[in-house]
């Protein structure tokens, strides 16, 4: 997945500017993002504070590591079953 050029703090700052009454087009123009990107950020980070966003990022990282560990364990089990099922 491509990394965002903005940090979670910057994205939340953009969303707060728009919530404060600034027009969405003006916020997008000021920060150099498209309106589609802005609304994608709003769907993901809308209503979050900076600390919540950091926690969300940490949980996503931990989740991806656990998924990788699970996939490796399942692969090891499949290999062991394959070896055990052969007749010598």
Protein backbone atom coordinates (compact mmCIF):
# COMPACT_ATOMS: atom_id res chain seq x y z
CA UNK A 1 0.00 0.00 0.00
CA UNK A 2 1.28 3.43 -0.90
CA UNK A 3 2.20 5.62 2.02
CA UNK A 4 0.42 8.92 2.43
CA UNK A 5 2.53 12.02 2.19
CA UNK A 6 0.58 13.42 5.13
CA UNK A 7 0.78 12.24 8.72
CA UNK A 8 -2.31 11.40 10.72
CA UNK A 9 -1.95 14.71 12.57
CA UNK A 10 -1.91 16.69 9.32
CA UNK A 11 -4.93 14.81 7.96
CA UNK A 12 -6.91 15.43 11.14
CA UNK A 13 -5.88 19.09 10.95
CA UNK A 14 -7.31 19.30 7.43
CA UNK A 15 -10.56 17.73 8.58
CA UNK A 16 -10.81 20.14 11.52
CA UNK A 17 -10.32 23.10 9.15
CA UNK A 18 -13.24 21.90 7.05
CA UNK A 19 -15.38 21.29 10.13
CA UNK A 20 -14.60 24.81 11.34
CA UNK A 21 -16.39 26.23 8.32
CA UNK A 22 -13.79 26.45 5.59
CA UNK A 23 -15.03 25.22 2.21
CA UNK A 24 -13.92 21.74 1.22
CA UNK A 25 -12.55 22.95 -2.12
CA UNK A 26 -10.47 25.60 -0.34
CA UNK A 27 -9.03 23.09 2.12
CA UNK A 28 -8.15 20.73 -0.73
CA UNK A 29 -6.52 23.50 -2.74
CA UNK A 30 -4.57 24.75 0.27
CA UNK A 31 -3.10 21.33 1.05
CA UNK A 32 -2.81 20.08 -2.53
CA UNK A 33 -5.13 17.08 -2.35
CA UNK A 34 -8.08 16.08 -4.50
CA UNK A 35 -11.60 16.15 -3.14
CA UNK A 36 -11.78 12.36 -3.53
CA UNK A 37 -8.70 11.99 -1.34
CA UNK A 38 -10.15 14.42 1.18
CA UNK A 39 -13.37 12.44 1.47
CA UNK A 40 -11.40 9.19 1.76
CA UNK A 41 -9.50 10.76 4.66
CA UNK A 42 -12.79 11.93 6.14
CA UNK A 43 -14.25 8.43 5.95
CA UNK A 44 -11.21 6.98 7.67
CA UNK A 45 -10.27 9.67 10.20
CA UNK A 46 -13.53 11.60 10.63
CA UNK A 47 -14.35 12.12 14.30
CA UNK A 48 -10.95 10.93 15.53
CA UNK A 49 -8.51 12.84 17.64
CA UNK A 50 -4.75 12.63 17.10
CA UNK A 51 -4.26 10.13 19.92
CA UNK A 52 -7.04 7.93 18.51
CA UNK A 53 -5.40 8.00 15.08
CA UNK A 54 -2.05 6.96 16.55
CA UNK A 55 -3.73 4.09 18.38
CA UNK A 56 -5.52 3.05 15.18
CA UNK A 57 -2.21 2.98 13.30
CA UNK A 58 -0.57 0.90 16.03
CA UNK A 59 -3.45 -1.58 16.00
CA UNK A 60 -3.31 -1.87 12.20
CA UNK A 61 0.44 -2.57 12.35
CA UNK A 62 -0.03 -5.19 15.05
CA UNK A 63 -2.87 -6.78 13.08
CA UNK A 64 -0.75 -7.09 9.94
CA UNK A 65 2.10 -8.70 11.90
CA UNK A 66 -0.29 -11.20 13.46
CA UNK A 67 -1.76 -12.05 10.05
CA UNK A 68 1.73 -12.74 8.69
CA UNK A 69 2.53 -14.97 11.67
CA UNK A 70 -0.72 -16.88 11.20
CA UNK A 71 -0.06 -17.39 7.49
CA UNK A 72 3.44 -18.72 8.21
CA UNK A 73 2.11 -21.08 10.90
CA UNK A 74 -0.59 -22.39 8.57
CA UNK A 75 2.01 -22.97 5.85
CA UNK A 76 4.20 -24.89 8.29
CA UNK A 77 1.24 -27.05 9.32
CA UNK A 78 0.36 -27.79 5.71
CA UNK A 79 3.94 -28.84 4.97
CA UNK A 80 4.04 -31.10 8.03
CA UNK A 81 0.73 -32.73 7.07
CA UNK A 82 2.01 -33.30 3.55
CA UNK A 83 5.19 -34.93 4.82
CA UNK A 84 3.29 -37.05 7.37
CA UNK A 85 0.80 -38.31 4.79
CA UNK A 86 3.48 -39.76 2.49
CA UNK A 87 4.27 -43.43 2.71
CA UNK A 88 7.94 -44.21 3.14
